[in-house]
Amino acid sequence: MDTPLIGSRETNYKFFYGVGVSTIISFLLLIIITSYSASIIGDVELLIKDMHIVLQGVKELLPEAKFGADMLNLLCQNKNFTNYYRNVRPICVERH
């Protein structure tokens, strides 16, 4: 095993150390990418928690919005209301 694999003995050592350094660099890059991915996952977890809170608020407000839309529909059917509140007339026209 005294014969070098690639060229001379010095070239063989350069190749060996070059492969070692590139392996260490690859490992460091892998660690950096993994830690960055872990931090992004943490941010996504916080975002999902915030979305859950927002969706709970939407679920609470949605029935009230439906009630408001039904109320506006009833008011639009009343001619006195649309005559008195002229700014509502375009909204009532869009609804029919």
PDB file of N, CA and C in Angstrom:
ATOM      1  N   MET A   1       0.819  -1.191   0.000  1.00  0.00           N
ATOM      2  CA  MET A   1       0.000   0.000   0.000  1.00  0.00           C
ATOM      3  C   MET A   1       0.864   1.256   0.000  1.00  0.00           C
ATOM      4  N   ASP A   2       2.116   1.141  -0.320  1.00  0.00           N
ATOM      5  CA  ASP A   2       2.974   2.317  -0.377  1.00  0.00           C
ATOM      6  C   ASP A   2       2.829   3.079  -1.687  1.00  0.00           C
ATOM      7  N   THR A   3       2.174   2.508  -2.681  1.00  0.00           N
ATOM      8  CA  THR A   3       2.016   3.197  -3.959  1.00  0.00           C
ATOM      9  C   THR A   3       0.834   4.162  -3.884  1.00  0.00           C
ATOM     10  N   PRO A   4       1.005   5.390  -4.367  1.00  0.00           N
ATOM     11  CA  PRO A   4      -0.093   6.368  -4.320  1.00  0.00           C
ATOM     12  C   PRO A   4      -1.184   6.033  -5.334  1.00  0.00           C
ATOM     13  N   LEU A   5      -2.426   6.421  -4.997  1.00  0.00           N
ATOM     14  CA  LEU A   5      -3.555   6.184  -5.900  1.00  0.00           C
ATOM     15  C   LEU A   5      -3.550   7.152  -7.074  1.00  0.00           C
ATOM     16  N   ILE A   6      -3.228   8.415  -6.807  1.00  0.00           N
ATOM     17  CA  ILE A   6      -3.281   9.439  -7.849  1.00  0.00           C
ATOM     18  C   ILE A   6      -1.902  10.066  -7.972  1.00  0.00           C
ATOM     19  N   GLY A   7      -1.255   9.893  -9.076  1.00  0.00           N
ATOM     20  CA  GLY A   7       0.031  10.536  -9.345  1.00  0.00           C
ATOM     21  C   GLY A   7       1.083  10.229  -8.302  1.00  0.00           C
ATOM     22  N   SER A   8       1.761  11.284  -7.878  1.00  0.00           N
ATOM     23  CA  SER A   8       2.831  11.122  -6.889  1.00  0.00           C
ATOM     24  C   SER A   8       2.262  11.094  -5.478  1.00  0.00           C
ATOM     25  N   ARG A   9       3.145  10.900  -4.537  1.00  0.00           N
ATOM     26  CA  ARG A   9       2.744  10.838  -3.138  1.00  0.00           C
ATOM     27  C   ARG A   9       2.186  12.181  -2.667  1.00  0.00           C
ATOM     28  N   GLU A  10       2.804  13.280  -3.107  1.00  0.00           N
ATOM     29  CA  GLU A  10       2.322  14.614  -2.705  1.00  0.00           C
ATOM     30  C   GLU A  10       0.930  14.887  -3.279  1.00  0.00           C
ATOM     31  N   THR A  11       0.707  14.478  -4.507  1.00  0.00           N
ATOM     32  CA  THR A  11      -0.609  14.658  -5.128  1.00  0.00           C
ATOM     33  C   THR A  11      -1.655  13.832  -4.390  1.00  0.00           C
ATOM     34  N   ASN A  12      -1.300  12.664  -3.985  1.00  0.00           N
ATOM     35  CA  ASN A  12      -2.205  11.809  -3.236  1.00  0.00           C
ATOM     36  C   ASN A  12      -2.605  12.468  -1.914  1.00  0.00           C
ATOM     37  N   TYR A  13      -1.631  13.062  -1.206  1.00  0.00           N
ATOM     38  CA  TYR A  13      -1.935  13.768   0.048  1.00  0.00           C
ATOM     39  C   TYR A  13      -2.794  14.999  -0.203  1.00  0.00           C
ATOM     40  N   LYS A  14      -2.518  15.757  -1.261  1.00  0.00           N
ATOM     41  CA  LYS A  14      -3.337  16.937  -1.588  1.00  0.00           C
ATOM     42  C   LYS A  14      -4.777  16.511  -1.865  1.00  0.00           C
ATOM     43  N   PHE A  15      -4.928  15.433  -2.614  1.00  0.00           N
ATOM     44  CA  PHE A  15      -6.266  14.930  -2.909  1.00  0.00           C
ATOM     45  C   PHE A  15      -6.975  14.500  -1.623  1.00  0.00           C
ATOM     46  N   PHE A  16      -6.267  13.793  -0.752  1.00  0.00           N
ATOM     47  CA  PHE A  16      -6.839  13.311   0.508  1.00  0.00           C
ATOM     48  C   PHE A  16      -7.291  14.481   1.372  1.00  0.00           C
ATOM     49  N   TYR A  17      -6.438  15.490   1.540  1.00  0.00           N
ATOM     50  CA  TYR A  17      -6.796  16.641   2.371  1.00  0.00           C
ATOM     51  C   TYR A  17      -7.862  17.503   1.694  1.00  0.00           C
ATOM     52  N   GLY A  18      -7.831  17.579   0.388  1.00  0.00           N
ATOM     53  CA  GLY A  18      -8.876  18.319  -0.329  1.00  0.00           C
ATOM     54  C   GLY A  18     -10.246  17.691  -0.131  1.00  0.00           C
ATOM     55  N   VAL A  19     -10.286  16.357  -0.224  1.00  0.00           N
ATOM     56  CA  VAL A  19     -11.551  15.653   0.010  1.00  0.00           C
ATOM     57  C   VAL A  19     -11.999  15.842   1.456  1.00  0.00           C
ATOM     58  N   GLY A  20     -11.082  15.810   2.385  1.00  0.00           N
ATOM     59  CA  GLY A  20     -11.426  16.015   3.799  1.00  0.00           C
ATOM     60  C   GLY A  20     -11.996  17.400   4.047  1.00  0.00           C
ATOM     61  N   VAL A  21     -11.340  18.425   3.466  1.00  0.00           N
ATOM     62  CA  VAL A  21     -11.828  19.805   3.644  1.00  0.00           C
ATOM     63  C   VAL A  21     -13.192  19.978   2.990  1.00  0.00           C
ATOM     64  N   SER A  22     -13.387  19.432   1.811  1.00  0.00           N
ATOM     65  CA  SER A  22     -14.687  19.567   1.146  1.00  0.00           C
ATOM     66  C   SER A  22     -15.783  18.839   1.923  1.00  0.00           C
ATOM     67  N   THR A  23     -15.444  17.732   2.563  1.00  0.00           N
ATOM     68  CA  THR A  23     -16.419  17.025   3.393  1.00  0.00           C
ATOM     69  C   THR A  23     -16.814  17.867   4.600  1.00  0.00           C
ATOM     70  N   ILE A  24     -15.835  18.505   5.232  1.00  0.00           N
ATOM     71  CA  ILE A  24     -16.126  19.361   6.390  1.00  0.00           C
ATOM     72  C   ILE A  24     -16.975  20.553   5.969  1.00  0.00           C
ATOM     73  N   ILE A  25     -16.648  21.154   4.822  1.00  0.00           N
ATOM     74  CA  ILE A  25     -17.441  22.290   4.329  1.00  0.00           C
ATOM     75  C   ILE A  25     -18.871  21.849   4.025  1.00  0.00           C
ATOM     76  N   SER A  26     -19.031  20.703   3.413  1.00  0.00           N
ATOM     77  CA  SER A  26     -20.371  20.177   3.122  1.00  0.00           C
ATOM     78  C   SER A  26     -21.157  19.936   4.406  1.00  0.00           C
ATOM     79  N   PHE A  27     -20.499  19.406   5.414  1.00  0.00           N
ATOM     80  CA  PHE A  27     -21.159  19.169   6.696  1.00  0.00           C
ATOM     81  C   PHE A  27     -21.583  20.483   7.335  1.00  0.00           C
ATOM     82  N   LEU A  28     -20.720  21.496   7.285  1.00  0.00           N
ATOM     83  CA  LEU A  28     -21.069  22.800   7.851  1.00  0.00           C
ATOM     84  C   LEU A  28     -22.247  23.423   7.098  1.00  0.00           C
ATOM     85  N   LEU A  29     -22.251  23.310   5.788  1.00  0.00           N
ATOM     86  CA  LEU A  29     -23.385  23.818   5.013  1.00  0.00           C
ATOM     87  C   LEU A  29     -24.669  23.085   5.367  1.00  0.00           C
ATOM     88  N   LEU A  30     -24.570  21.796   5.558  1.00  0.00           N
ATOM     89  CA  LEU A  30     -25.739  21.011   5.948  1.00  0.00           C
ATOM     90  C   LEU A  30     -26.265  21.464   7.303  1.00  0.00           C
ATOM     91  N   ILE A  31     -25.381  21.735   8.243  1.00  0.00           N
ATOM     92  CA  ILE A  31     -25.802  22.212   9.577  1.00  0.00           C
ATOM     93  C   ILE A  31     -26.449  23.590   9.471  1.00  0.00           C
ATOM     94  N   ILE A  32     -25.871  24.470   8.640  1.00  0.00           N
ATOM     95  CA  ILE A  32     -26.439  25.812   8.475  1.00  0.00           C
ATOM     96  C   ILE A  32     -27.831  25.731   7.856  1.00  0.00           C
ATOM     97  N   ILE A  33     -27.980  24.926   6.823  1.00  0.00           N
ATOM     98  CA  ILE A  33     -29.290  24.792   6.172  1.00  0.00           C
ATOM     99  C   ILE A  33     -30.312  24.180   7.119  1.00  0.00           C
ATOM    100  N   THR A  34     -29.892  23.214   7.908  1.00  0.00           N
ATOM    101  CA  THR A  34     -30.806  22.584   8.861  1.00  0.00           C
ATOM    102  C   THR A  34     -31.250  23.563   9.946  1.00  0.00           C
ATOM    103  N   SER A  35     -30.325  24.363  10.463  1.00  0.00           N
ATOM    104  CA  SER A  35     -30.703  25.332  11.502  1.00  0.00           C
ATOM    105  C   SER A  35     -31.606  26.417  10.934  1.00  0.00           C
ATOM    106  N   TYR A  36     -31.351  26.844   9.696  1.00  0.00           N
ATOM    107  CA  TYR A  36     -32.219  27.835   9.055  1.00  0.00           C
ATOM    108  C   TYR A  36     -33.620  27.264   8.856  1.00  0.00           C
ATOM    109  N   SER A  37     -33.703  26.010   8.434  1.00  0.00           N
ATOM    110  CA  SER A  37     -35.007  25.364   8.253  1.00  0.00           C
ATOM    111  C   SER A  37     -35.743  25.250   9.588  1.00  0.00           C
ATOM    112  N   ALA A  38     -35.021  24.946  10.651  1.00  0.00           N
ATOM    113  CA  ALA A  38     -35.646  24.848  11.968  1.00  0.00           C
ATOM    114  C   ALA A  38     -36.194  26.199  12.409  1.00  0.00           C
ATOM    115  N   SER A  39     -35.472  27.277  12.135  1.00  0.00           N
ATOM    116  CA  SER A  39     -35.974  28.602  12.520  1.00  0.00           C
ATOM    117  C   SER A  39     -37.207  28.968  11.707  1.00  0.00           C
ATOM    118  N   ILE A  40     -37.249  28.592  10.428  1.00  0.00           N
ATOM    119  CA  ILE A  40     -38.422  28.864   9.603  1.00  0.00           C
ATOM    120  C   ILE A  40     -39.620  28.065  10.110  1.00  0.00           C
ATOM    121  N   ILE A  41     -39.376  26.838  10.524  1.00  0.00           N
ATOM    122  CA  ILE A  41     -40.467  26.020  11.068  1.00  0.00           C
ATOM    123  C   ILE A  41     -41.036  26.668  12.321  1.00  0.00           C
ATOM    124  N   GLY A  42     -40.175  27.250  13.157  1.00  0.00           N
ATOM    125  CA  GLY A  42     -40.649  27.956  14.345  1.00  0.00           C
ATOM    126  C   GLY A  42     -41.514  29.145  13.970  1.00  0.00           C
ATOM    127  N   ASP A  43     -41.120  29.897  12.934  1.00  0.00           N
ATOM    128  CA  ASP A  43     -41.923  31.032  12.481  1.00  0.00           C
ATOM    129  C   ASP A  43     -43.260  30.568  11.915  1.00  0.00           C
ATOM    130  N   VAL A  44     -43.256  29.471  11.199  1.00  0.00           N
ATOM    131  CA  VAL A  44     -44.501  28.938  10.633  1.00  0.00           C
ATOM    132  C   VAL A  44     -45.434  28.495  11.755  1.00  0.00           C
ATOM    133  N   GLU A  45     -44.884  27.939  12.801  1.00  0.00           N
ATOM    134  CA  GLU A  45     -45.710  27.525  13.945  1.00  0.00           C
ATOM    135  C   GLU A  45     -46.398  28.734  14.576  1.00  0.00           C
ATOM    136  N   LEU A  46     -45.671  29.836  14.744  1.00  0.00           N
ATOM    137  CA  LEU A  46     -46.274  31.057  15.291  1.00  0.00           C
ATOM    138  C   LEU A  46     -47.346  31.608  14.352  1.00  0.00           C
ATOM    139  N   LEU A  47     -47.086  31.538  13.052  1.00  0.00           N
ATOM    140  CA  LEU A  47     -48.061  32.009  12.078  1.00  0.00           C
ATOM    141  C   LEU A  47     -49.336  31.183  12.139  1.00  0.00           C
ATOM    142  N   ILE A  48     -49.204  29.880  12.286  1.00  0.00           N
ATOM    143  CA  ILE A  48     -50.387  29.019  12.366  1.00  0.00           C
ATOM    144  C   ILE A  48     -51.186  29.326  13.625  1.00  0.00           C
ATOM    145  N   LYS A  49     -50.505  29.579  14.740  1.00  0.00           N
ATOM    146  CA  LYS A  49     -51.210  29.951  15.972  1.00  0.00           C
ATOM    147  C   LYS A  49     -51.968  31.259  15.789  1.00  0.00           C
ATOM    148  N   ASP A  50     -51.338  32.253  15.143  1.00  0.00           N
ATOM    149  CA  ASP A  50     -52.002  33.526  14.886  1.00  0.00           C
ATOM    150  C   ASP A  50     -53.194  33.351  13.947  1.00  0.00           C
ATOM    151  N   MET A  51     -53.032  32.498  12.925  1.00  0.00           N
ATOM    152  CA  MET A  51     -54.148  32.236  12.014  1.00  0.00           C
ATOM    153  C   MET A  51     -55.313  31.594  12.747  1.00  0.00           C
ATOM    154  N   HIS A  52     -55.020  30.731  13.695  1.00  0.00           N
ATOM    155  CA  HIS A  52     -56.075  30.082  14.466  1.00  0.00           C
ATOM    156  C   HIS A  52     -56.860  31.127  15.253  1.00  0.00           C
ATOM    157  N   ILE A  53     -56.178  32.086  15.841  1.00  0.00           N
ATOM    158  CA  ILE A  53     -56.846  33.147  16.603  1.00  0.00           C
ATOM    159  C   ILE A  53     -57.710  34.002  15.669  1.00  0.00           C
ATOM    160  N   VAL A  54     -57.177  34.334  14.497  1.00  0.00           N
ATOM    161  CA  VAL A  54     -57.941  35.141  13.534  1.00  0.00           C
ATOM    162  C   VAL A  54     -59.178  34.391  13.060  1.00  0.00           C
ATOM    163  N   LEU A  55     -59.030  33.102  12.777  1.00  0.00           N
ATOM    164  CA  LEU A  55     -60.185  32.328  12.319  1.00  0.00           C
ATOM    165  C   LEU A  55     -61.251  32.204  13.396  1.00  0.00           C
ATOM    166  N   GLN A  56     -60.850  32.146  14.654  1.00  0.00           N
ATOM    167  CA  GLN A  56     -61.844  32.135  15.733  1.00  0.00           C
ATOM    168  C   GLN A  56     -62.622  33.445  15.739  1.00  0.00           C
ATOM    169  N   GLY A  57     -61.913  34.566  15.525  1.00  0.00           N
ATOM    170  CA  GLY A  57     -62.588  35.859  15.446  1.00  0.00           C
ATOM    171  C   GLY A  57     -63.542  35.943  14.270  1.00  0.00           C
ATOM    172  N   VAL A  58     -63.143  35.390  13.132  1.00  0.00           N
ATOM    173  CA  VAL A  58     -64.016  35.387  11.955  1.00  0.00           C
ATOM    174  C   VAL A  58     -65.259  34.545  12.227  1.00  0.00           C
ATOM    175  N   LYS A  59     -65.077  33.416  12.893  1.00  0.00           N
ATOM    176  CA  LYS A  59     -66.234  32.567  13.212  1.00  0.00           C
ATOM    177  C   LYS A  59     -67.202  33.281  14.144  1.00  0.00           C
ATOM    178  N   GLU A  60     -66.680  34.131  15.022  1.00  0.00           N
ATOM    179  CA  GLU A  60     -67.558  34.891  15.917  1.00  0.00           C
ATOM    180  C   GLU A  60     -68.283  36.006  15.168  1.00  0.00           C
ATOM    181  N   LEU A  61     -67.589  36.652  14.228  1.00  0.00           N
ATOM    182  CA  LEU A  61     -68.172  37.801  13.542  1.00  0.00           C
ATOM    183  C   LEU A  61     -69.064  37.421  12.363  1.00  0.00           C
ATOM    184  N   LEU A  62     -68.896  36.251  11.817  1.00  0.00           N
ATOM    185  CA  LEU A  62     -69.648  35.867  10.630  1.00  0.00           C
ATOM    186  C   LEU A  62     -71.160  35.858  10.857  1.00  0.00           C
ATOM    187  N   PRO A  63     -71.673  35.303  11.947  1.00  0.00           N
ATOM    188  CA  PRO A  63     -73.127  35.372  12.159  1.00  0.00           C
ATOM    189  C   PRO A  63     -73.625  36.815  12.263  1.00  0.00           C
ATOM    190  N   GLU A  64     -72.842  37.701  12.875  1.00  0.00           N
ATOM    191  CA  GLU A  64     -73.250  39.101  12.985  1.00  0.00           C
ATOM    192  C   GLU A  64     -73.255  39.774  11.618  1.00  0.00           C
ATOM    193  N   ALA A  65     -72.311  39.410  10.754  1.00  0.00           N
ATOM    194  CA  ALA A  65     -72.280  39.967   9.404  1.00  0.00           C
ATOM    195  C   ALA A  65     -73.494  39.488   8.607  1.00  0.00           C
ATOM    196  N   LYS A  66     -73.861  38.227   8.789  1.00  0.00           N
ATOM    197  CA  LYS A  66     -75.039  37.707   8.099  1.00  0.00           C
ATOM    198  C   LYS A  66     -76.287  38.430   8.591  1.00  0.00           C
ATOM    199  N   PHE A  67     -76.368  38.671   9.895  1.00  0.00           N
ATOM    200  CA  PHE A  67     -77.508  39.416  10.443  1.00  0.00           C
ATOM    201  C   PHE A  67     -77.546  40.830   9.858  1.00  0.00           C
ATOM    202  N   GLY A  68     -76.378  41.472   9.757  1.00  0.00           N
ATOM    203  CA  GLY A  68     -76.322  42.821   9.185  1.00  0.00           C
ATOM    204  C   GLY A  68     -76.749  42.836   7.723  1.00  0.00           C
ATOM    205  N   ALA A  69     -76.346  41.831   6.960  1.00  0.00           N
ATOM    206  CA  ALA A  69     -76.737  41.759   5.545  1.00  0.00           C
ATOM    207  C   ALA A  69     -78.235  41.528   5.415  1.00  0.00           C
ATOM    208  N   ASP A  70     -78.779  40.676   6.265  1.00  0.00           N
ATOM    209  CA  ASP A  70     -80.234  40.446   6.240  1.00  0.00           C
ATOM    210  C   ASP A  70     -80.983  41.712   6.628  1.00  0.00           C
ATOM    211  N   MET A  71     -80.468  42.426   7.609  1.00  0.00           N
ATOM    212  CA  MET A  71     -81.098  43.670   8.051  1.00  0.00           C
ATOM    213  C   MET A  71     -81.053  44.724   6.932  1.00  0.00           C
ATOM    214  N   LEU A  72     -79.918  44.816   6.239  1.00  0.00           N
ATOM    215  CA  LEU A  72     -79.807  45.762   5.131  1.00  0.00           C
ATOM    216  C   LEU A  72     -80.775  45.384   4.017  1.00  0.00           C
ATOM    217  N   ASN A  73     -80.953  44.101   3.773  1.00  0.00           N
ATOM    218  CA  ASN A  73     -81.898  43.653   2.755  1.00  0.00           C
ATOM    219  C   ASN A  73     -83.315  44.078   3.117  1.00  0.00           C
ATOM    220  N   LEU A  74     -83.676  43.928   4.382  1.00  0.00           N
ATOM    221  CA  LEU A  74     -85.012  44.367   4.814  1.00  0.00           C
ATOM    222  C   LEU A  74     -85.164  45.870   4.706  1.00  0.00           C
ATOM    223  N   LEU A  75     -84.127  46.610   5.083  1.00  0.00           N
ATOM    224  CA  LEU A  75     -84.206  48.072   5.004  1.00  0.00           C
ATOM    225  C   LEU A  75     -84.268  48.552   3.554  1.00  0.00           C
ATOM    226  N   CYS A  76     -83.585  47.861   2.664  1.00  0.00           N
ATOM    227  CA  CYS A  76     -83.619  48.252   1.252  1.00  0.00           C
ATOM    228  C   CYS A  76     -85.006  48.055   0.649  1.00  0.00           C
ATOM    229  N   GLN A  77     -85.771  47.138   1.191  1.00  0.00           N
ATOM    230  CA  GLN A  77     -87.121  46.912   0.685  1.00  0.00           C
ATOM    231  C   GLN A  77     -88.072  48.023   1.115  1.00  0.00           C
ATOM    232  N   ASN A  78     -87.712  48.758   2.154  1.00  0.00           N
ATOM    233  CA  ASN A  78     -88.548  49.845   2.650  1.00  0.00           C
ATOM    234  C   ASN A  78     -88.257  51.100   1.824  1.00  0.00           C
ATOM    235  N   LYS A  79     -89.246  51.620   1.119  1.00  0.00           N
ATOM    236  CA  LYS A  79     -89.065  52.786   0.244  1.00  0.00           C
ATOM    237  C   LYS A  79     -88.720  54.040   1.038  1.00  0.00           C
ATOM    238  N   ASN A  80     -89.295  54.208   2.220  1.00  0.00           N
ATOM    239  CA  ASN A  80     -89.002  55.406   3.016  1.00  0.00           C
ATOM    240  C   ASN A  80     -87.534  55.442   3.438  1.00  0.00           C
ATOM    241  N   PHE A  81     -86.983  54.287   3.738  1.00  0.00           N
ATOM    242  CA  PHE A  81     -85.571  54.232   4.149  1.00  0.00           C
ATOM    243  C   PHE A  81     -84.657  54.663   3.015  1.00  0.00           C
ATOM    244  N   THR A  82     -84.917  54.176   1.796  1.00  0.00           N
ATOM    245  CA  THR A  82     -84.044  54.535   0.671  1.00  0.00           C
ATOM    246  C   THR A  82     -84.259  55.979   0.243  1.00  0.00           C
ATOM    247  N   ASN A  83     -85.411  56.528   0.481  1.00  0.00           N
ATOM    248  CA  ASN A  83     -85.627  57.947   0.158  1.00  0.00           C
ATOM    249  C   ASN A  83     -84.927  58.845   1.179  1.00  0.00           C
ATOM    250  N   TYR A  84     -84.947  58.437   2.451  1.00  0.00           N
ATOM    251  CA  TYR A  84     -84.365  59.267   3.509  1.00  0.00           C
ATOM    252  C   TYR A  84     -82.831  59.168   3.507  1.00  0.00           C
ATOM    253  N   TYR A  85     -82.305  57.979   3.332  1.00  0.00           N
ATOM    254  CA  TYR A  85     -80.850  57.761   3.297  1.00  0.00           C
ATOM    255  C   TYR A  85     -80.425  57.518   1.847  1.00  0.00           C
ATOM    256  N   ARG A  86     -80.170  58.592   1.130  1.00  0.00           N
ATOM    257  CA  ARG A  86     -79.845  58.489  -0.297  1.00  0.00           C
ATOM    258  C   ARG A  86     -78.485  57.812  -0.540  1.00  0.00           C
ATOM    259  N   ASN A  87     -77.573  57.884   0.425  1.00  0.00           N
ATOM    260  CA  ASN A  87     -76.255  57.257   0.235  1.00  0.00           C
ATOM    261  C   ASN A  87     -76.341  55.722   0.249  1.00  0.00           C
ATOM    262  N   VAL A  88     -77.434  55.169   0.723  1.00  0.00           N
ATOM    263  CA  VAL A  88     -77.611  53.720   0.776  1.00  0.00           C
ATOM    264  C   VAL A  88     -78.226  53.199  -0.522  1.00  0.00           C
ATOM    265  N   ARG A  89     -78.832  54.067  -1.299  1.00  0.00           N
ATOM    266  CA  ARG A  89     -79.546  53.653  -2.510  1.00  0.00           C
ATOM    267  C   ARG A  89     -78.669  52.846  -3.481  1.00  0.00           C
ATOM    268  N   PRO A  90     -77.388  53.243  -3.767  1.00  0.00           N
ATOM    269  CA  PRO A  90     -76.580  52.404  -4.674  1.00  0.00           C
ATOM    270  C   PRO A  90     -76.341  50.994  -4.138  1.00  0.00           C
ATOM    271  N   ILE A  91     -76.192  50.875  -2.821  1.00  0.00           N
ATOM    272  CA  ILE A  91     -75.995  49.549  -2.235  1.00  0.00           C
ATOM    273  C   ILE A  91     -77.243  48.696  -2.420  1.00  0.00           C
ATOM    274  N   CYS A  92     -78.413  49.338  -2.235  1.00  0.00           N
ATOM    275  CA  CYS A  92     -79.657  48.589  -2.403  1.00  0.00           C
ATOM    276  C   CYS A  92     -79.872  48.200  -3.844  1.00  0.00           C
ATOM    277  N   VAL A  93     -79.471  49.050  -4.786  1.00  0.00           N
ATOM    278  CA  VAL A  93     -79.627  48.721  -6.200  1.00  0.00           C
ATOM    279  C   VAL A  93     -78.732  47.536  -6.561  1.00  0.00           C
ATOM    280  N   GLU A  94     -77.518  47.484  -6.001  1.00  0.00           N
ATOM    281  CA  GLU A  94     -76.612  46.363  -6.266  1.00  0.00           C
ATOM    282  C   GLU A  94     -77.149  45.049  -5.715  1.00  0.00           C
ATOM    283  N   ARG A  95     -77.905  45.116  -4.648  1.00  0.00           N
ATOM    284  CA  ARG A  95     -78.401  43.890  -4.010  1.00  0.00           C
ATOM    285  C   ARG A  95     -79.557  43.284  -4.799  1.00  0.00           C
ATOM    286  N   HIS A  96     -80.231  44.068  -5.628  1.00  0.00           N
ATOM    287  CA  HIS A  96     -81.396  43.545  -6.374  1.00  0.00           C
ATOM    288  C   HIS A  96     -81.060  43.371  -7.800  1.00  0.00           C
TER     289      HIS A  96
END
